[in-house]
């Protein structure tokens, strides 16, 4: 079975940003994305950082960059909805 695997640093950052969610099968995913989309985006981000910091490997293609932008936007919209919901539900009521 395929799973989304993080380094300790990645997981801490994603949790702090309220970026993680659970899909219908109980798998950890990036909020708003499927497991496959999450795996692809995390992998792309790692490869992109590695490339930009002088590591070996191929430069991301224009299609990869476009897909990454689309998935980041989809993820960010879901993440912000989660934050808004938590702020609304968990905010102390004014008396």
PDB file of N, CA and C in Angstrom:
ATOM      1  N   UNK A   1       0.828  -1.194   0.000  1.00  0.00           N
ATOM      2  CA  UNK A   1       0.000   0.000   0.000  1.00  0.00           C
ATOM      3  C   UNK A   1       0.868   1.252   0.000  1.00  0.00           C
ATOM      4  N   UNK A   2       0.435   2.231  -0.725  1.00  0.00           N
ATOM      5  CA  UNK A   2       1.166   3.482  -0.833  1.00  0.00           C
ATOM      6  C   UNK A   2       0.787   4.400   0.319  1.00  0.00           C
ATOM      7  N   UNK A   3       1.803   5.031   0.879  1.00  0.00           N
ATOM      8  CA  UNK A   3       1.565   5.988   1.961  1.00  0.00           C
ATOM      9  C   UNK A   3       2.395   7.229   1.727  1.00  0.00           C
ATOM     10  N   UNK A   4       1.973   8.302   2.337  1.00  0.00           N
ATOM     11  CA  UNK A   4       2.701   9.553   2.313  1.00  0.00           C
ATOM     12  C   UNK A   4       3.696   9.515   3.462  1.00  0.00           C
ATOM     13  N   UNK A   5       4.971   9.639   3.151  1.00  0.00           N
ATOM     14  CA  UNK A   5       6.018   9.547   4.168  1.00  0.00           C
ATOM     15  C   UNK A   5       6.733  10.884   4.250  1.00  0.00           C
ATOM     16  N   UNK A   6       6.897  11.375   5.482  1.00  0.00           N
ATOM     17  CA  UNK A   6       7.553  12.655   5.724  1.00  0.00           C
ATOM     18  C   UNK A   6       8.830  12.452   6.517  1.00  0.00           C
ATOM     19  N   UNK A   7       9.761  13.389   6.365  1.00  0.00           N
ATOM     20  CA  UNK A   7      10.864  13.478   7.316  1.00  0.00           C
ATOM     21  C   UNK A   7      10.257  14.091   8.583  1.00  0.00           C
ATOM     22  N   UNK A   8      10.963  13.992   9.695  1.00  0.00           N
ATOM     23  CA  UNK A   8      10.464  14.569  10.950  1.00  0.00           C
ATOM     24  C   UNK A   8      10.247  16.076  10.795  1.00  0.00           C
ATOM     25  N   UNK A   9      11.157  16.729  10.103  1.00  0.00           N
ATOM     26  CA  UNK A   9      11.050  18.182   9.885  1.00  0.00           C
ATOM     27  C   UNK A   9       9.829  18.524   9.040  1.00  0.00           C
ATOM     28  N   UNK A  10       9.605  17.768   7.967  1.00  0.00           N
ATOM     29  CA  UNK A  10       8.442  18.006   7.115  1.00  0.00           C
ATOM     30  C   UNK A  10       7.151  17.805   7.896  1.00  0.00           C
ATOM     31  N   UNK A  11       7.074  16.726   8.626  1.00  0.00           N
ATOM     32  CA  UNK A  11       5.846  16.448   9.366  1.00  0.00           C
ATOM     33  C   UNK A  11       5.556  17.539  10.392  1.00  0.00           C
ATOM     34  N   UNK A  12       6.583  17.988  11.102  1.00  0.00           N
ATOM     35  CA  UNK A  12       6.391  19.060  12.088  1.00  0.00           C
ATOM     36  C   UNK A  12       5.890  20.334  11.408  1.00  0.00           C
ATOM     37  N   UNK A  13       6.460  20.660  10.252  1.00  0.00           N
ATOM     38  CA  UNK A  13       6.046  21.874   9.534  1.00  0.00           C
ATOM     39  C   UNK A  13       4.600  21.743   9.040  1.00  0.00           C
ATOM     40  N   UNK A  14       4.265  20.606   8.442  1.00  0.00           N
ATOM     41  CA  UNK A  14       2.906  20.410   7.939  1.00  0.00           C
ATOM     42  C   UNK A  14       1.878  20.411   9.076  1.00  0.00           C
ATOM     43  N   UNK A  15       2.214  19.798  10.185  1.00  0.00           N
ATOM     44  CA  UNK A  15       1.281  19.791  11.325  1.00  0.00           C
ATOM     45  C   UNK A  15       1.092  21.193  11.898  1.00  0.00           C
ATOM     46  N   UNK A  16       2.186  21.943  12.018  1.00  0.00           N
ATOM     47  CA  UNK A  16       2.106  23.310  12.548  1.00  0.00           C
ATOM     48  C   UNK A  16       1.243  24.202  11.657  1.00  0.00           C
ATOM     49  N   UNK A  17       1.276  23.951  10.356  1.00  0.00           N
ATOM     50  CA  UNK A  17       0.499  24.747   9.399  1.00  0.00           C
ATOM     51  C   UNK A  17      -0.932  24.247   9.214  1.00  0.00           C
ATOM     52  N   UNK A  18      -1.318  23.214   9.965  1.00  0.00           N
ATOM     53  CA  UNK A  18      -2.627  22.583   9.801  1.00  0.00           C
ATOM     54  C   UNK A  18      -2.829  22.118   8.362  1.00  0.00           C
ATOM     55  N   UNK A  19      -1.775  21.550   7.792  1.00  0.00           N
ATOM     56  CA  UNK A  19      -1.798  21.136   6.395  1.00  0.00           C
ATOM     57  C   UNK A  19      -2.208  19.685   6.188  1.00  0.00           C
ATOM     58  N   UNK A  20      -2.253  18.900   7.251  1.00  0.00           N
ATOM     59  CA  UNK A  20      -2.528  17.474   7.102  1.00  0.00           C
ATOM     60  C   UNK A  20      -3.984  17.151   7.385  1.00  0.00           C
ATOM     61  N   UNK A  21      -4.436  16.120   6.713  1.00  0.00           N
ATOM     62  CA  UNK A  21      -5.802  15.644   6.879  1.00  0.00           C
ATOM     63  C   UNK A  21      -5.768  14.126   6.755  1.00  0.00           C
ATOM     64  N   UNK A  22      -6.925  13.508   6.855  1.00  0.00           N
ATOM     65  CA  UNK A  22      -7.048  12.064   6.703  1.00  0.00           C
ATOM     66  C   UNK A  22      -8.078  11.796   5.620  1.00  0.00           C
ATOM     67  N   UNK A  23      -7.742  10.900   4.694  1.00  0.00           N
ATOM     68  CA  UNK A  23      -8.685  10.592   3.625  1.00  0.00           C
ATOM     69  C   UNK A  23      -9.694   9.529   4.076  1.00  0.00           C
ATOM     70  N   UNK A  24     -10.570   9.127   3.183  1.00  0.00           N
ATOM     71  CA  UNK A  24     -11.638   8.180   3.524  1.00  0.00           C
ATOM     72  C   UNK A  24     -11.117   6.810   3.935  1.00  0.00           C
ATOM     73  N   UNK A  25      -9.873   6.505   3.574  1.00  0.00           N
ATOM     74  CA  UNK A  25      -9.265   5.223   3.936  1.00  0.00           C
ATOM     75  C   UNK A  25      -8.388   5.320   5.172  1.00  0.00           C
ATOM     76  N   UNK A  26      -8.403   6.490   5.831  1.00  0.00           N
ATOM     77  CA  UNK A  26      -7.617   6.680   7.036  1.00  0.00           C
ATOM     78  C   UNK A  26      -6.155   7.007   6.786  1.00  0.00           C
ATOM     79  N   UNK A  27      -5.810   7.344   5.546  1.00  0.00           N
ATOM     80  CA  UNK A  27      -4.431   7.681   5.192  1.00  0.00           C
ATOM     81  C   UNK A  27      -4.189   9.170   5.404  1.00  0.00           C
ATOM     82  N   UNK A  28      -2.982   9.508   5.840  1.00  0.00           N
ATOM     83  CA  UNK A  28      -2.597  10.902   5.984  1.00  0.00           C
ATOM     84  C   UNK A  28      -2.356  11.488   4.602  1.00  0.00           C
ATOM     85  N   UNK A  29      -2.960  12.656   4.359  1.00  0.00           N
ATOM     86  CA  UNK A  29      -2.826  13.359   3.084  1.00  0.00           C
ATOM     87  C   UNK A  29      -2.675  14.850   3.365  1.00  0.00           C
ATOM     88  N   UNK A  30      -2.293  15.599   2.343  1.00  0.00           N
ATOM     89  CA  UNK A  30      -2.331  17.054   2.453  1.00  0.00           C
ATOM     90  C   UNK A  30      -3.792  17.469   2.308  1.00  0.00           C
ATOM     91  N   UNK A  31      -4.229  18.372   3.145  1.00  0.00           N
ATOM     92  CA  UNK A  31      -5.626  18.804   3.143  1.00  0.00           C
ATOM     93  C   UNK A  31      -6.074  19.168   1.735  1.00  0.00           C
ATOM     94  N   UNK A  32      -7.226  18.630   1.341  1.00  0.00           N
ATOM     95  CA  UNK A  32      -7.817  18.939   0.055  1.00  0.00           C
ATOM     96  C   UNK A  32      -7.300  18.127  -1.115  1.00  0.00           C
ATOM     97  N   UNK A  33      -6.276  17.288  -0.885  1.00  0.00           N
ATOM     98  CA  UNK A  33      -5.694  16.500  -1.972  1.00  0.00           C
ATOM     99  C   UNK A  33      -5.924  15.016  -1.738  1.00  0.00           C
ATOM    100  N   UNK A  34      -5.907  14.262  -2.816  1.00  0.00           N
ATOM    101  CA  UNK A  34      -5.960  12.813  -2.702  1.00  0.00           C
ATOM    102  C   UNK A  34      -4.589  12.311  -2.250  1.00  0.00           C
ATOM    103  N   UNK A  35      -4.520  11.028  -1.928  1.00  0.00           N
ATOM    104  CA  UNK A  35      -3.235  10.447  -1.538  1.00  0.00           C
ATOM    105  C   UNK A  35      -2.237  10.561  -2.690  1.00  0.00           C
ATOM    106  N   UNK A  36      -2.661  10.213  -3.901  1.00  0.00           N
ATOM    107  CA  UNK A  36      -1.753  10.302  -5.050  1.00  0.00           C
ATOM    108  C   UNK A  36      -1.281  11.734  -5.300  1.00  0.00           C
ATOM    109  N   UNK A  37      -2.200  12.690  -5.199  1.00  0.00           N
ATOM    110  CA  UNK A  37      -1.823  14.095  -5.374  1.00  0.00           C
ATOM    111  C   UNK A  37      -0.849  14.537  -4.289  1.00  0.00           C
ATOM    112  N   UNK A  38      -1.100  14.116  -3.063  1.00  0.00           N
ATOM    113  CA  UNK A  38      -0.230  14.482  -1.938  1.00  0.00           C
ATOM    114  C   UNK A  38       1.177  13.928  -2.133  1.00  0.00           C
ATOM    115  N   UNK A  39       1.258  12.657  -2.503  1.00  0.00           N
ATOM    116  CA  UNK A  39       2.560  12.023  -2.729  1.00  0.00           C
ATOM    117  C   UNK A  39       3.305  12.747  -3.854  1.00  0.00           C
ATOM    118  N   UNK A  40       2.588  13.047  -4.939  1.00  0.00           N
ATOM    119  CA  UNK A  40       3.219  13.720  -6.068  1.00  0.00           C
ATOM    120  C   UNK A  40       3.741  15.094  -5.644  1.00  0.00           C
ATOM    121  N   UNK A  41       2.907  15.888  -4.932  1.00  0.00           N
ATOM    122  CA  UNK A  41       3.301  17.255  -4.578  1.00  0.00           C
ATOM    123  C   UNK A  41       4.461  17.265  -3.584  1.00  0.00           C
ATOM    124  N   UNK A  42       4.422  16.418  -2.582  1.00  0.00           N
ATOM    125  CA  UNK A  42       5.537  16.361  -1.621  1.00  0.00           C
ATOM    126  C   UNK A  42       6.823  15.959  -2.350  1.00  0.00           C
ATOM    127  N   UNK A  43       6.740  14.970  -3.232  1.00  0.00           N
ATOM    128  CA  UNK A  43       7.908  14.558  -4.008  1.00  0.00           C
ATOM    129  C   UNK A  43       8.419  15.675  -4.909  1.00  0.00           C
ATOM    130  N   UNK A  44       7.503  16.358  -5.564  1.00  0.00           N
ATOM    131  CA  UNK A  44       7.888  17.482  -6.426  1.00  0.00           C
ATOM    132  C   UNK A  44       8.590  18.561  -5.613  1.00  0.00           C
ATOM    133  N   UNK A  45       8.026  18.904  -4.463  1.00  0.00           N
ATOM    134  CA  UNK A  45       8.634  19.941  -3.622  1.00  0.00           C
ATOM    135  C   UNK A  45      10.045  19.548  -3.208  1.00  0.00           C
ATOM    136  N   UNK A  46      10.246  18.296  -2.851  1.00  0.00           N
ATOM    137  CA  UNK A  46      11.586  17.823  -2.468  1.00  0.00           C
ATOM    138  C   UNK A  46      12.549  17.923  -3.645  1.00  0.00           C
ATOM    139  N   UNK A  47      12.117  17.454  -4.812  1.00  0.00           N
ATOM    140  CA  UNK A  47      12.982  17.505  -5.995  1.00  0.00           C
ATOM    141  C   UNK A  47      13.305  18.939  -6.380  1.00  0.00           C
ATOM    142  N   UNK A  48      12.313  19.817  -6.279  1.00  0.00           N
ATOM    143  CA  UNK A  48      12.506  21.223  -6.641  1.00  0.00           C
ATOM    144  C   UNK A  48      13.513  21.884  -5.711  1.00  0.00           C
ATOM    145  N   UNK A  49      13.375  21.675  -4.421  1.00  0.00           N
ATOM    146  CA  UNK A  49      14.323  22.244  -3.463  1.00  0.00           C
ATOM    147  C   UNK A  49      15.719  21.689  -3.713  1.00  0.00           C
ATOM    148  N   UNK A  50      15.801  20.397  -3.935  1.00  0.00           N
ATOM    149  CA  UNK A  50      17.095  19.751  -4.193  1.00  0.00           C
ATOM    150  C   UNK A  50      17.752  20.367  -5.432  1.00  0.00           C
ATOM    151  N   UNK A  51      16.977  20.550  -6.496  1.00  0.00           N
ATOM    152  CA  UNK A  51      17.501  21.125  -7.723  1.00  0.00           C
ATOM    153  C   UNK A  51      17.944  22.573  -7.499  1.00  0.00           C
ATOM    154  N   UNK A  52      17.095  23.372  -6.845  1.00  0.00           N
ATOM    155  CA  UNK A  52      17.401  24.793  -6.644  1.00  0.00           C
ATOM    156  C   UNK A  52      18.582  25.025  -5.709  1.00  0.00           C
ATOM    157  N   UNK A  53      18.908  24.054  -4.873  1.00  0.00           N
ATOM    158  CA  UNK A  53      20.029  24.209  -3.951  1.00  0.00           C
ATOM    159  C   UNK A  53      21.297  23.543  -4.475  1.00  0.00           C
ATOM    160  N   UNK A  54      21.318  23.265  -5.774  1.00  0.00           N
ATOM    161  CA  UNK A  54      22.527  22.764  -6.395  1.00  0.00           C
ATOM    162  C   UNK A  54      22.669  21.261  -6.441  1.00  0.00           C
ATOM    163  N   UNK A  55      21.627  20.547  -6.083  1.00  0.00           N
ATOM    164  CA  UNK A  55      21.681  19.091  -6.117  1.00  0.00           C
ATOM    165  C   UNK A  55      21.592  18.564  -7.540  1.00  0.00           C
ATOM    166  N   UNK A  56      21.851  17.300  -7.671  1.00  0.00           N
ATOM    167  CA  UNK A  56      21.757  16.679  -8.992  1.00  0.00           C
ATOM    168  C   UNK A  56      20.295  16.401  -9.317  1.00  0.00           C
ATOM    169  N   UNK A  57      20.050  16.070 -10.551  1.00  0.00           N
ATOM    170  CA  UNK A  57      18.689  15.753 -10.962  1.00  0.00           C
ATOM    171  C   UNK A  57      18.229  16.698 -12.041  1.00  0.00           C
ATOM    172  N   UNK A  58      17.073  16.374 -12.583  1.00  0.00           N
ATOM    173  CA  UNK A  58      16.533  17.158 -13.684  1.00  0.00           C
ATOM    174  C   UNK A  58      15.754  18.357 -13.175  1.00  0.00           C
ATOM    175  N   UNK A  59      15.794  19.387 -13.973  1.00  0.00           N
ATOM    176  CA  UNK A  59      15.007  20.584 -13.688  1.00  0.00           C
ATOM    177  C   UNK A  59      13.532  20.232 -13.879  1.00  0.00           C
ATOM    178  N   UNK A  60      12.648  20.711 -12.994  1.00  0.00           N
ATOM    179  CA  UNK A  60      11.221  20.426 -13.167  1.00  0.00           C
ATOM    180  C   UNK A  60      10.711  20.972 -14.513  1.00  0.00           C
ATOM    181  N   UNK A  61       9.858  20.198 -15.159  1.00  0.00           N
ATOM    182  CA  UNK A  61       9.301  20.627 -16.442  1.00  0.00           C
ATOM    183  C   UNK A  61       8.234  21.700 -16.218  1.00  0.00           C
ATOM    184  N   UNK A  62       7.887  22.390 -17.281  1.00  0.00           N
ATOM    185  CA  UNK A  62       6.830  23.392 -17.200  1.00  0.00           C
ATOM    186  C   UNK A  62       5.508  22.738 -16.791  1.00  0.00           C
ATOM    187  N   UNK A  63       5.224  21.552 -17.315  1.00  0.00           N
ATOM    188  CA  UNK A  63       4.001  20.837 -16.929  1.00  0.00           C
ATOM    189  C   UNK A  63       4.006  20.489 -15.446  1.00  0.00           C
ATOM    190  N   UNK A  64       5.171  20.070 -14.933  1.00  0.00           N
ATOM    191  CA  UNK A  64       5.275  19.770 -13.499  1.00  0.00           C
ATOM    192  C   UNK A  64       5.041  21.025 -12.664  1.00  0.00           C
ATOM    193  N   UNK A  65       5.605  22.126 -13.103  1.00  0.00           N
ATOM    194  CA  UNK A  65       5.421  23.384 -12.367  1.00  0.00           C
ATOM    195  C   UNK A  65       3.951  23.798 -12.359  1.00  0.00           C
ATOM    196  N   UNK A  66       3.292  23.638 -13.503  1.00  0.00           N
ATOM    197  CA  UNK A  66       1.860  23.988 -13.589  1.00  0.00           C
ATOM    198  C   UNK A  66       1.030  23.099 -12.666  1.00  0.00           C
ATOM    199  N   UNK A  67       1.323  21.802 -12.696  1.00  0.00           N
ATOM    200  CA  UNK A  67       0.575  20.888 -11.833  1.00  0.00           C
ATOM    201  C   UNK A  67       0.814  21.225 -10.368  1.00  0.00           C
ATOM    202  N   UNK A  68       2.049  21.550 -10.015  1.00  0.00           N
ATOM    203  CA  UNK A  68       2.368  21.903  -8.629  1.00  0.00           C
ATOM    204  C   UNK A  68       1.582  23.138  -8.187  1.00  0.00           C
ATOM    205  N   UNK A  69       1.489  24.139  -9.045  1.00  0.00           N
ATOM    206  CA  UNK A  69       0.733  25.348  -8.713  1.00  0.00           C
ATOM    207  C   UNK A  69      -0.737  25.006  -8.492  1.00  0.00           C
ATOM    208  N   UNK A  70      -1.311  24.203  -9.368  1.00  0.00           N
ATOM    209  CA  UNK A  70      -2.725  23.813  -9.232  1.00  0.00           C
ATOM    210  C   UNK A  70      -2.966  23.059  -7.928  1.00  0.00           C
ATOM    211  N   UNK A  71      -2.083  22.114  -7.613  1.00  0.00           N
ATOM    212  CA  UNK A  71      -2.261  21.329  -6.388  1.00  0.00           C
ATOM    213  C   UNK A  71      -2.034  22.180  -5.147  1.00  0.00           C
ATOM    214  N   UNK A  72      -1.064  23.076  -5.188  1.00  0.00           N
ATOM    215  CA  UNK A  72      -0.834  23.961  -4.032  1.00  0.00           C
ATOM    216  C   UNK A  72      -2.054  24.845  -3.779  1.00  0.00           C
ATOM    217  N   UNK A  73      -2.650  25.360  -4.855  1.00  0.00           N
ATOM    218  CA  UNK A  73      -3.841  26.205  -4.700  1.00  0.00           C
ATOM    219  C   UNK A  73      -5.007  25.399  -4.123  1.00  0.00           C
ATOM    220  N   UNK A  74      -5.207  24.205  -4.634  1.00  0.00           N
ATOM    221  CA  UNK A  74      -6.277  23.327  -4.132  1.00  0.00           C
ATOM    222  C   UNK A  74      -6.050  23.013  -2.651  1.00  0.00           C
ATOM    223  N   UNK A  75      -4.816  22.696  -2.309  1.00  0.00           N
ATOM    224  CA  UNK A  75      -4.457  22.389  -0.924  1.00  0.00           C
ATOM    225  C   UNK A  75      -4.645  23.614  -0.026  1.00  0.00           C
ATOM    226  N   UNK A  76      -4.178  24.764  -0.475  1.00  0.00           N
ATOM    227  CA  UNK A  76      -4.248  25.973   0.349  1.00  0.00           C
ATOM    228  C   UNK A  76      -5.699  26.376   0.608  1.00  0.00           C
ATOM    229  N   UNK A  77      -6.566  26.234  -0.363  1.00  0.00           N
ATOM    230  CA  UNK A  77      -7.981  26.553  -0.155  1.00  0.00           C
ATOM    231  C   UNK A  77      -8.576  25.659   0.935  1.00  0.00           C
ATOM    232  N   UNK A  78      -8.272  24.373   0.886  1.00  0.00           N
ATOM    233  CA  UNK A  78      -8.791  23.440   1.902  1.00  0.00           C
ATOM    234  C   UNK A  78      -8.185  23.743   3.269  1.00  0.00           C
ATOM    235  N   UNK A  79      -6.904  24.049   3.291  1.00  0.00           N
ATOM    236  CA  UNK A  79      -6.231  24.357   4.560  1.00  0.00           C
ATOM    237  C   UNK A  79      -6.833  25.606   5.203  1.00  0.00           C
ATOM    238  N   UNK A  80      -7.089  26.627   4.400  1.00  0.00           N
ATOM    239  CA  UNK A  80      -7.670  27.862   4.933  1.00  0.00           C
ATOM    240  C   UNK A  80      -9.106  27.647   5.414  1.00  0.00           C
ATOM    241  N   UNK A  81      -9.855  26.781   4.732  1.00  0.00           N
ATOM    242  CA  UNK A  81     -11.208  26.449   5.215  1.00  0.00           C
ATOM    243  C   UNK A  81     -11.118  25.781   6.580  1.00  0.00           C
ATOM    244  N   UNK A  82     -10.142  24.901   6.753  1.00  0.00           N
ATOM    245  CA  UNK A  82      -9.950  24.219   8.042  1.00  0.00           C
ATOM    246  C   UNK A  82      -9.618  25.231   9.128  1.00  0.00           C
ATOM    247  N   UNK A  83      -8.716  26.140   8.829  1.00  0.00           N
ATOM    248  CA  UNK A  83      -8.335  27.159   9.811  1.00  0.00           C
ATOM    249  C   UNK A  83      -9.533  28.026  10.155  1.00  0.00           C
ATOM    250  N   UNK A  84     -10.279  28.442   9.147  1.00  0.00           N
ATOM    251  CA  UNK A  84     -11.468  29.265   9.392  1.00  0.00           C
ATOM    252  C   UNK A  84     -12.491  28.533  10.239  1.00  0.00           C
ATOM    253  N   UNK A  85     -12.712  27.260   9.951  1.00  0.00           N
ATOM    254  CA  UNK A  85     -13.659  26.455  10.726  1.00  0.00           C
ATOM    255  C   UNK A  85     -13.197  26.347  12.173  1.00  0.00           C
ATOM    256  N   UNK A  86     -11.922  26.043  12.365  1.00  0.00           N
ATOM    257  CA  UNK A  86     -11.407  25.908  13.731  1.00  0.00           C
ATOM    258  C   UNK A  86     -11.503  27.216  14.494  1.00  0.00           C
ATOM    259  N   UNK A  87     -11.200  28.322  13.833  1.00  0.00           N
ATOM    260  CA  UNK A  87     -11.290  29.622  14.504  1.00  0.00           C
ATOM    261  C   UNK A  87     -12.736  29.950  14.869  1.00  0.00           C
ATOM    262  N   UNK A  88     -13.673  29.597  13.995  1.00  0.00           N
ATOM    263  CA  UNK A  88     -15.080  29.884  14.251  1.00  0.00           C
ATOM    264  C   UNK A  88     -15.621  28.990  15.374  1.00  0.00           C
ATOM    265  N   UNK A  89     -15.325  27.719  15.319  1.00  0.00           N
ATOM    266  CA  UNK A  89     -15.879  26.770  16.294  1.00  0.00           C
ATOM    267  C   UNK A  89     -15.176  26.883  17.641  1.00  0.00           C
ATOM    268  N   UNK A  90     -13.875  27.080  17.624  1.00  0.00           N
ATOM    269  CA  UNK A  90     -13.108  27.062  18.873  1.00  0.00           C
ATOM    270  C   UNK A  90     -12.932  28.434  19.519  1.00  0.00           C
ATOM    271  N   UNK A  91     -13.365  29.468  18.827  1.00  0.00           N
ATOM    272  CA  UNK A  91     -13.233  30.821  19.371  1.00  0.00           C
ATOM    273  C   UNK A  91     -14.179  30.981  20.560  1.00  0.00           C
ATOM    274  N   UNK A  92     -13.651  31.506  21.665  1.00  0.00           N
ATOM    275  CA  UNK A  92     -14.527  31.724  22.837  1.00  0.00           C
ATOM    276  C   UNK A  92     -15.655  32.691  22.479  1.00  0.00           C
ATOM    277  N   UNK A  93     -16.841  32.372  22.980  1.00  0.00           N
ATOM    278  CA  UNK A  93     -17.998  33.241  22.750  1.00  0.00           C
ATOM    279  C   UNK A  93     -17.901  34.482  23.609  1.00  0.00           C
ATOM    280  N   UNK A  94     -18.231  35.623  23.007  1.00  0.00           N
ATOM    281  CA  UNK A  94     -18.250  36.869  23.775  1.00  0.00           C
ATOM    282  C   UNK A  94     -19.528  36.923  24.598  1.00  0.00           C
ATOM    283  N   UNK A  95     -19.386  37.354  25.807  1.00  0.00           N
ATOM    284  CA  UNK A  95     -20.575  37.447  26.679  1.00  0.00           C
ATOM    285  C   UNK A  95     -20.875  38.862  27.031  1.00  0.00           C
TER     286      UNK A  95
END
